[in-house]
Amino acid sequence: MKRIKEMPLFLLTMLALVAGGVLLLTLPAREFSELENRPLAAWEGSSLLQSGFDEKAEKYLSDQFPGRDALIMLDAAVSVTLGQRLQDGVLLGGGGYLLEEPVAEVTATARSAMDTVEEIAQTLQLPVNLLLVPTSAAALPHRLPTLYEAADQARVLDALYAMAEQVQPVDSGLLQAADPDTRYYRTDHHLTAEGAWTVYAALCDEWGLEPLHAPRTELTDFRGSYYARIPDPRIGQETFSVEIPAGLTLAVDGAEQPFLREEALSRRNKYGALIGETYAHAVITGGAGDEVLLVVSDSYANAIVPLLAQHFRRVDVIDPRYYAGVVSALAQEAGSTRVLTLYGLNTFSTNRGLALLSIGGE
C-alpha cells in the first residue's frame, strides 16, 4: 500500500490508460447507450490513409471507452454537488424535477413553422387545428430552481396563436390544470397519461367529441430524455404511464406492430417504446366514426393519438423531421377530413422539420 501511495501520478495515469486500452480491445463494442439514449460509434475498419480517419477513431474511442457511463454520471453528480443548476439546456429543480429551459420569444423557426401550418390549411382546404404543448417549466413554476426566472411561455403561445389565419389554435389546458405535477414527468419532456388525457380532452371539446378513457399501462424504472442530459444517479426513477385503447391496429412505416414495443421496454427511456422513437409515418385504424385524421407532429403525439384514434376510422401521423413524402398526396390517398398539428413549443420553435415539409398541391 505504501508503494502505491508513493508511486508517481504519471505512472498511475499510464497504468490507467493501458488498462483502459486493454479493456477497449477485449470488451465487445456497444451499439447503443442507454444512459445517453443514442447509438454509439462503430468501428468500420477504416485505413489510416483514408480521409477523416482521425475523427472517426477519436469518436469511436470516446464512445467505446470503458467506464464511459460511470464517468458521465460522476461528472453530472459533481456538477450538481457544486451547485450547477443548468446543464445542457436542462434545469435541476426542486423535488428531483428536471425542467427544460424554455424559449423566451417567437423565433424565426417558429414563424416559418406557422407559415407551413397555414400553407397546409390553404393547400388541403380542410379544417386545421394547431396545439402547442408548453414545457413543464411553465406548468410547474414551483419546481424551478430558487431565484430562476423562466421565460413566459404563455406569452409566446399567445403571440404564435395570434399569427393564425386559416388555422384554428387549441389551448392544451395544461397551464390551467389542477395538480400539474401529475401531468408532466420529472425526468422527461413528454406528458404522463394524465397530461396526455388533458390535451386529448381539450381536442375532444374543440371537435365536439366525448372523451373516452382506455386501459392504462404503468411501468416503473423510467428515466427520460432530461436524465440523459443530467445523469446524476441520485435523481430517482419514476413511473411511465399511458392509456392505449383496445381494438386498434398500428402500422409504423408500413410494418404492423404493437403500440408498446417489447424490445424497447427494458430500456431506461420507456417513452421510446411507445409507437417509435424515430418514425416517418404511422397509421392507426379500427376506431369508430367516418372521419380520417391527419396528424403532423413530433413525439408528443405518441401518447395522445391512441386516445384520439378511438373517434376516427383512420389516423395518419407524420413526423416532419423524418417524413420525406408529400402531405397533399398523403391526405388525398388517405381521404383525410381533418388535420391536427401537435408540437412541443420548444421543438416548434427550434427544429426546422416543419419548414422543410413538402406540402405539394401545385
Protein backbone atom coordinates (compact mmCIF):
# COMPACT_ATOMS: atom_id res chain seq x y z
CA MET A 1 0.00 0.00 0.00
CA LYS A 2 2.88 2.36 0.88
CA ARG A 3 4.49 1.81 -2.53
CA ILE A 4 1.25 2.57 -4.33
CA LYS A 5 0.91 5.83 -2.42
CA GLU A 6 4.46 6.76 -3.33
CA MET A 7 4.03 5.89 -7.00
CA PRO A 8 4.26 8.98 -9.20
CA LEU A 9 0.96 10.32 -10.52
CA PHE A 10 2.04 9.99 -14.14
CA LEU A 11 2.73 6.27 -13.66
CA LEU A 12 -0.74 5.73 -12.20
CA THR A 13 -2.17 7.64 -15.14
CA MET A 14 -0.23 5.49 -17.61
CA LEU A 15 -1.40 2.30 -15.92
CA ALA A 16 -4.99 3.51 -16.10
CA LEU A 17 -4.63 4.30 -19.81
CA VAL A 18 -3.04 0.94 -20.53
CA ALA A 19 -5.77 -0.85 -18.60
CA GLY A 20 -8.39 1.15 -20.48
CA GLY A 21 -6.77 0.26 -23.80
CA VAL A 22 -6.69 -3.44 -22.95
CA LEU A 23 -10.37 -3.37 -21.97
CA LEU A 24 -11.21 -1.41 -25.11
CA LEU A 25 -9.60 -4.11 -27.26
CA THR A 26 -11.08 -7.07 -25.37
CA LEU A 27 -14.59 -5.94 -24.46
CA PRO A 28 -17.30 -6.14 -27.15
CA ALA A 29 -18.28 -2.79 -28.65
CA ARG A 30 -21.60 -1.35 -27.54
CA GLU A 31 -24.14 -0.37 -30.18
CA PHE A 32 -26.40 1.83 -28.05
CA SER A 33 -26.03 3.93 -24.91
CA GLU A 34 -28.99 3.55 -22.58
CA LEU A 35 -27.71 6.42 -20.49
CA GLU A 36 -27.34 8.89 -23.36
CA ASN A 37 -30.23 7.39 -25.36
CA ARG A 38 -28.30 7.36 -28.64
CA PRO A 39 -26.41 4.98 -30.95
CA LEU A 40 -22.68 4.71 -30.33
CA ALA A 41 -19.93 4.94 -32.94
CA ALA A 42 -18.96 1.64 -34.57
CA TRP A 43 -15.53 0.74 -35.95
CA GLU A 44 -15.69 0.49 -39.72
CA GLY A 45 -12.17 -0.79 -40.32
CA SER A 46 -11.02 2.46 -41.92
CA SER A 47 -7.49 2.74 -43.25
CA LEU A 48 -5.02 5.17 -41.74
CA LEU A 49 -4.77 6.77 -45.18
CA GLN A 50 -8.50 7.34 -45.53
CA SER A 51 -9.86 10.87 -45.20
CA GLY A 52 -11.34 11.58 -41.79
CA PHE A 53 -9.69 8.56 -40.13
CA ASP A 54 -8.56 10.58 -37.12
CA GLU A 55 -12.06 11.96 -36.50
CA LYS A 56 -13.66 8.52 -36.80
CA ALA A 57 -11.08 6.98 -34.50
CA GLU A 58 -11.50 9.73 -31.91
CA LYS A 59 -15.30 9.35 -31.97
CA TYR A 60 -15.04 5.57 -31.62
CA LEU A 61 -12.57 5.76 -28.73
CA SER A 62 -14.70 8.35 -26.97
CA ASP A 63 -17.95 6.37 -27.35
CA GLN A 64 -16.47 2.96 -26.53
CA PHE A 65 -14.11 3.94 -23.71
CA PRO A 66 -14.55 1.51 -20.79
CA GLY A 67 -16.44 3.06 -17.91
CA ARG A 68 -17.79 5.89 -20.06
CA ASP A 69 -21.24 5.79 -18.41
CA ALA A 70 -19.74 5.87 -14.91
CA LEU A 71 -17.57 8.86 -15.84
CA ILE A 72 -20.56 10.73 -17.32
CA MET A 73 -22.64 10.10 -14.18
CA LEU A 74 -19.74 11.12 -11.94
CA ASP A 75 -19.31 14.37 -13.88
CA ALA A 76 -23.04 15.13 -13.58
CA ALA A 77 -23.07 14.34 -9.86
CA VAL A 78 -20.05 16.58 -9.23
CA SER A 79 -21.61 19.44 -11.22
CA VAL A 80 -24.86 19.17 -9.25
CA THR A 81 -22.98 18.98 -5.94
CA LEU A 82 -21.08 22.15 -6.84
CA GLY A 83 -24.38 23.96 -7.37
CA GLN A 84 -24.65 23.94 -11.17
CA ARG A 85 -28.40 24.03 -11.82
CA LEU A 86 -28.38 24.36 -15.62
CA GLN A 87 -26.73 21.67 -17.73
CA ASP A 88 -27.19 21.18 -21.47
CA GLY A 89 -30.39 23.25 -21.50
CA VAL A 90 -31.98 21.37 -18.58
CA LEU A 91 -32.65 22.84 -15.14
CA LEU A 92 -32.32 20.89 -11.92
CA GLY A 93 -35.41 21.92 -9.98
CA GLY A 94 -36.98 21.07 -6.65
CA GLY A 95 -38.26 17.64 -5.72
CA GLY A 96 -35.95 15.90 -8.18
CA TYR A 97 -37.63 17.59 -11.17
CA LEU A 98 -35.66 18.25 -14.35
CA LEU A 99 -37.10 21.02 -16.50
CA GLU A 100 -36.16 22.22 -19.96
CA GLU A 101 -35.09 25.83 -20.31
CA PRO A 102 -37.98 27.39 -22.28
CA VAL A 103 -37.85 29.60 -25.34
CA ALA A 104 -38.14 33.28 -24.45
CA GLU A 105 -39.61 34.69 -27.65
CA VAL A 106 -41.16 33.84 -31.01
CA THR A 107 -38.22 32.57 -33.05
CA ALA A 108 -37.67 32.78 -36.79
CA THR A 109 -38.01 28.98 -36.87
CA ALA A 110 -41.41 29.22 -35.18
CA ARG A 111 -42.54 31.83 -37.72
CA SER A 112 -41.50 29.52 -40.56
CA ALA A 113 -43.37 26.65 -38.88
CA MET A 114 -46.51 28.80 -38.63
CA ASP A 115 -46.20 29.60 -42.34
CA THR A 116 -46.07 25.86 -43.09
CA VAL A 117 -49.17 25.12 -41.00
CA GLU A 118 -51.04 27.92 -42.81
CA GLU A 119 -49.86 26.51 -46.14
CA ILE A 120 -51.24 23.09 -45.16
CA ALA A 121 -54.64 24.68 -44.47
CA GLN A 122 -54.60 26.67 -47.70
CA THR A 123 -53.48 23.72 -49.84
CA LEU A 124 -55.66 20.97 -48.40
CA GLN A 125 -58.74 23.13 -47.82
CA LEU A 126 -59.52 21.11 -44.69
CA PRO A 127 -60.12 22.15 -41.08
CA VAL A 128 -56.65 22.52 -39.50
CA ASN A 129 -56.01 22.86 -35.77
CA LEU A 130 -52.76 23.80 -34.05
CA LEU A 131 -51.95 22.73 -30.49
CA LEU A 132 -48.59 23.56 -28.91
CA VAL A 133 -47.55 21.90 -25.65
CA PRO A 134 -45.71 24.16 -23.17
CA THR A 135 -42.75 22.69 -21.32
CA SER A 136 -43.02 21.72 -17.67
CA ALA A 137 -41.18 24.91 -16.67
CA ALA A 138 -44.38 26.87 -17.44
CA ALA A 139 -46.79 24.49 -15.71
CA LEU A 140 -44.58 23.82 -12.68
CA PRO A 141 -43.12 27.20 -11.58
CA HIS A 142 -42.95 25.88 -8.00
CA ARG A 143 -40.38 23.30 -9.19
CA LEU A 144 -37.99 25.83 -10.72
CA PRO A 145 -34.61 26.46 -9.06
CA THR A 146 -34.58 29.22 -6.46
CA LEU A 147 -34.26 32.71 -7.99
CA TYR A 148 -34.60 31.34 -11.54
CA GLU A 149 -36.97 33.39 -13.70
CA ALA A 150 -38.40 31.29 -16.51
CA ALA A 151 -39.47 32.84 -19.80
CA ASP A 152 -43.20 33.47 -20.11
CA GLN A 153 -44.34 30.61 -22.34
CA ALA A 154 -47.98 31.72 -22.15
CA ARG A 155 -46.95 34.98 -23.80
CA VAL A 156 -45.05 33.13 -26.54
CA LEU A 157 -48.03 30.83 -27.13
CA ASP A 158 -50.41 33.80 -27.37
CA ALA A 159 -48.12 35.52 -29.87
CA LEU A 160 -47.91 32.41 -32.06
CA TYR A 161 -51.64 31.72 -31.92
CA ALA A 162 -52.31 35.35 -32.86
CA MET A 163 -50.47 34.71 -36.14
CA ALA A 164 -53.01 32.07 -37.18
CA GLU A 165 -55.34 32.97 -40.05
CA GLN A 166 -56.90 29.86 -41.60
CA VAL A 167 -55.63 27.65 -38.79
CA GLN A 168 -57.63 27.27 -35.58
CA PRO A 169 -55.46 27.13 -32.43
CA VAL A 170 -56.46 24.91 -29.49
CA ASP A 171 -55.31 25.58 -25.94
CA SER A 172 -53.77 22.48 -24.37
CA GLY A 173 -55.35 23.14 -20.98
CA LEU A 174 -52.09 22.19 -19.27
CA LEU A 175 -51.35 25.59 -17.78
CA GLN A 176 -54.78 25.74 -16.14
CA ALA A 177 -54.96 22.12 -14.98
CA ALA A 178 -55.16 21.16 -11.32
CA ASP A 179 -52.35 19.00 -9.93
CA PRO A 180 -49.87 19.93 -12.71
CA ASP A 181 -47.20 17.70 -11.16
CA THR A 182 -49.16 14.67 -12.34
CA ARG A 183 -49.22 15.81 -15.96
CA TYR A 184 -45.50 16.08 -16.65
CA TYR A 185 -42.71 13.59 -15.97
CA ARG A 186 -39.91 14.54 -13.60
CA THR A 187 -37.16 13.36 -15.96
CA ASP A 188 -38.71 13.63 -19.43
CA HIS A 189 -40.19 16.32 -21.67
CA HIS A 190 -43.26 14.31 -22.68
CA LEU A 191 -46.64 14.07 -20.97
CA THR A 192 -47.80 11.43 -18.50
CA ALA A 193 -51.10 9.61 -19.03
CA GLU A 194 -52.81 12.44 -17.10
CA GLY A 195 -51.11 15.08 -19.25
CA ALA A 196 -51.99 13.28 -22.48
CA TRP A 197 -55.58 12.98 -21.28
CA THR A 198 -55.70 16.75 -20.62
CA VAL A 199 -54.64 17.52 -24.20
CA TYR A 200 -56.94 14.82 -25.61
CA ALA A 201 -59.91 16.22 -23.66
CA ALA A 202 -59.16 19.74 -24.96
CA LEU A 203 -59.24 18.44 -28.55
CA CYS A 204 -62.45 16.49 -27.92
CA ASP A 205 -64.04 19.66 -26.58
CA GLU A 206 -62.93 21.55 -29.70
CA TRP A 207 -64.32 18.87 -32.03
CA GLY A 208 -67.50 18.05 -30.13
CA LEU A 209 -66.40 14.55 -29.12
CA GLU A 210 -66.94 12.67 -25.87
CA PRO A 211 -63.54 11.75 -24.35
CA LEU A 212 -63.12 8.08 -23.50
CA HIS A 213 -60.71 6.55 -21.04
CA ALA A 214 -58.73 3.46 -22.10
CA PRO A 215 -56.79 0.71 -20.31
CA ARG A 216 -53.71 2.15 -18.62
CA THR A 217 -50.20 0.72 -18.67
CA GLU A 218 -47.77 1.73 -15.92
CA LEU A 219 -44.09 0.75 -15.92
CA THR A 220 -41.52 1.57 -13.25
CA ASP A 221 -37.75 2.14 -13.64
CA PHE A 222 -38.28 5.04 -16.03
CA ARG A 223 -35.83 7.88 -16.55
CA GLY A 224 -36.46 10.06 -19.58
CA SER A 225 -34.79 12.42 -22.01
CA TYR A 226 -33.84 15.08 -19.45
CA TYR A 227 -31.97 12.49 -17.41
CA ALA A 228 -29.74 11.83 -20.41
CA ARG A 229 -28.55 15.44 -20.04
CA ILE A 230 -28.18 15.44 -16.24
CA PRO A 231 -27.48 11.76 -15.47
CA ASP A 232 -26.94 12.21 -11.74
CA PRO A 233 -27.67 8.74 -10.27
CA ARG A 234 -29.19 10.42 -7.21
CA ILE A 235 -32.15 11.53 -9.35
CA GLY A 236 -34.78 8.89 -8.69
CA GLN A 237 -36.67 6.74 -11.16
CA GLU A 238 -40.34 7.34 -11.88
CA THR A 239 -43.35 5.60 -13.43
CA PHE A 240 -44.09 5.68 -17.16
CA SER A 241 -47.84 5.76 -17.87
CA VAL A 242 -50.01 5.66 -20.99
CA GLU A 243 -53.59 4.84 -21.97
CA ILE A 244 -53.95 2.60 -25.04
CA PRO A 245 -57.44 1.64 -26.28
CA ALA A 246 -58.17 -1.95 -27.24
CA GLY A 247 -59.17 -2.92 -30.76
CA LEU A 248 -56.86 -0.57 -32.65
CA THR A 249 -54.26 -1.59 -35.23
CA LEU A 250 -50.95 0.24 -35.64
CA ALA A 251 -48.59 0.20 -38.62
CA VAL A 252 -45.32 2.13 -38.47
CA ASP A 253 -43.53 2.89 -41.72
CA GLY A 254 -45.52 0.11 -43.39
CA ALA A 255 -44.99 -2.63 -40.77
CA GLU A 256 -47.69 -3.65 -38.29
CA GLN A 257 -46.55 -3.60 -34.65
CA PRO A 258 -47.89 -3.22 -31.09
CA PHE A 259 -48.23 0.26 -29.58
CA LEU A 260 -45.62 -0.66 -26.97
CA ARG A 261 -42.58 -2.37 -28.49
CA GLU A 262 -41.49 -5.13 -26.13
CA GLU A 263 -37.80 -4.95 -27.05
CA ALA A 264 -37.64 -1.27 -26.05
CA LEU A 265 -39.46 -1.58 -22.72
CA SER A 266 -36.33 -2.79 -20.93
CA ARG A 267 -34.53 0.48 -21.69
CA ARG A 268 -34.22 3.39 -19.32
CA ASN A 269 -36.29 5.72 -21.52
CA LYS A 270 -39.51 3.75 -21.89
CA TYR A 271 -41.32 6.52 -23.76
CA GLY A 272 -39.29 5.48 -26.81
CA ALA A 273 -41.13 2.13 -26.76
CA LEU A 274 -44.43 3.92 -27.48
CA ILE A 275 -45.11 3.70 -31.25
CA GLY A 276 -41.48 4.52 -32.09
CA GLU A 277 -38.63 6.92 -31.39
CA THR A 278 -37.84 7.95 -34.96
CA TYR A 279 -40.55 7.10 -37.45
CA ALA A 280 -41.81 8.93 -40.53
CA HIS A 281 -45.39 7.69 -40.90
CA ALA A 282 -47.70 5.75 -38.60
CA VAL A 283 -51.26 4.64 -39.36
CA ILE A 284 -53.85 3.72 -36.74
CA THR A 285 -57.10 2.05 -37.79
CA GLY A 286 -60.04 0.44 -36.04
CA GLY A 287 -61.66 3.45 -34.39
CA ALA A 288 -65.31 4.46 -34.59
CA GLY A 289 -66.63 7.21 -36.83
CA ASP A 290 -66.26 8.02 -40.50
CA GLU A 291 -63.67 10.78 -40.39
CA VAL A 292 -59.96 10.45 -41.18
CA LEU A 293 -57.47 12.47 -39.15
CA LEU A 294 -54.03 13.57 -40.35
CA VAL A 295 -51.65 14.48 -37.51
CA VAL A 296 -48.46 16.43 -38.19
CA SER A 297 -46.42 16.16 -35.04
CA ASP A 298 -43.28 15.48 -33.08
CA SER A 299 -43.11 12.71 -30.47
CA TYR A 300 -45.57 14.47 -28.13
CA ALA A 301 -48.34 12.92 -30.22
CA ASN A 302 -47.34 9.34 -29.38
CA ALA A 303 -49.18 9.39 -26.04
CA ILE A 304 -52.20 11.29 -27.40
CA VAL A 305 -53.05 9.81 -30.81
CA PRO A 306 -54.05 6.37 -29.44
CA LEU A 307 -56.82 8.13 -27.50
CA LEU A 308 -57.81 10.25 -30.49
CA ALA A 309 -57.88 7.17 -32.72
CA GLN A 310 -60.96 5.91 -30.86
CA HIS A 311 -63.03 8.53 -32.73
CA PHE A 312 -61.67 8.17 -36.27
CA ARG A 313 -61.82 5.50 -38.94
CA ARG A 314 -58.15 6.15 -39.67
CA VAL A 315 -55.42 8.32 -38.18
CA ASP A 316 -52.22 9.12 -40.10
CA VAL A 317 -49.33 10.50 -38.05
CA ILE A 318 -46.32 12.01 -39.78
CA ASP A 319 -43.20 13.42 -38.11
CA PRO A 320 -41.78 16.18 -40.37
CA ARG A 321 -38.28 15.51 -39.01
CA TYR A 322 -38.27 12.15 -40.85
CA TYR A 323 -41.15 12.24 -43.36
CA ALA A 324 -39.99 12.63 -46.97
CA GLY A 325 -43.37 12.34 -48.70
CA VAL A 326 -45.78 14.99 -49.93
CA VAL A 327 -48.51 15.97 -47.48
CA SER A 328 -51.21 16.72 -50.08
CA ALA A 329 -50.66 13.35 -51.77
CA LEU A 330 -50.93 11.52 -48.44
CA ALA A 331 -54.08 13.41 -47.48
CA GLN A 332 -55.69 12.57 -50.81
CA GLU A 333 -54.69 8.89 -50.62
CA ALA A 334 -55.88 8.50 -47.02
CA GLY A 335 -59.06 10.52 -47.54
CA SER A 336 -58.19 12.92 -44.72
CA THR A 337 -61.05 15.10 -43.47
CA ARG A 338 -59.27 16.98 -40.69
CA VAL A 339 -55.68 17.98 -39.83
CA LEU A 340 -54.04 18.45 -36.43
CA THR A 341 -50.60 19.94 -35.96
CA LEU A 342 -49.44 18.99 -32.46
CA TYR A 343 -45.98 20.00 -31.27
CA GLY A 344 -43.98 20.75 -28.18
CA LEU A 345 -43.43 24.50 -28.02
CA ASN A 346 -39.64 24.21 -27.79
CA THR A 347 -39.40 21.84 -30.77
CA PHE A 348 -41.79 24.03 -32.78
CA SER A 349 -39.51 26.99 -32.02
CA THR A 350 -36.13 25.37 -32.70
CA ASN A 351 -36.48 22.48 -35.20
CA ARG A 352 -36.83 23.23 -38.92
CA GLY A 353 -38.56 19.97 -39.77
CA LEU A 354 -41.93 21.65 -40.37
CA ALA A 355 -40.46 24.38 -42.54
CA LEU A 356 -38.83 21.75 -44.77
CA LEU A 357 -42.00 19.65 -45.10
CA SER A 358 -43.20 19.19 -48.69
CA ILE A 359 -46.86 20.28 -48.90
CA GLY A 360 -47.46 19.88 -52.66
CA GLY A 361 -50.78 20.70 -54.23
CA GLU A 362 -49.48 22.64 -57.22
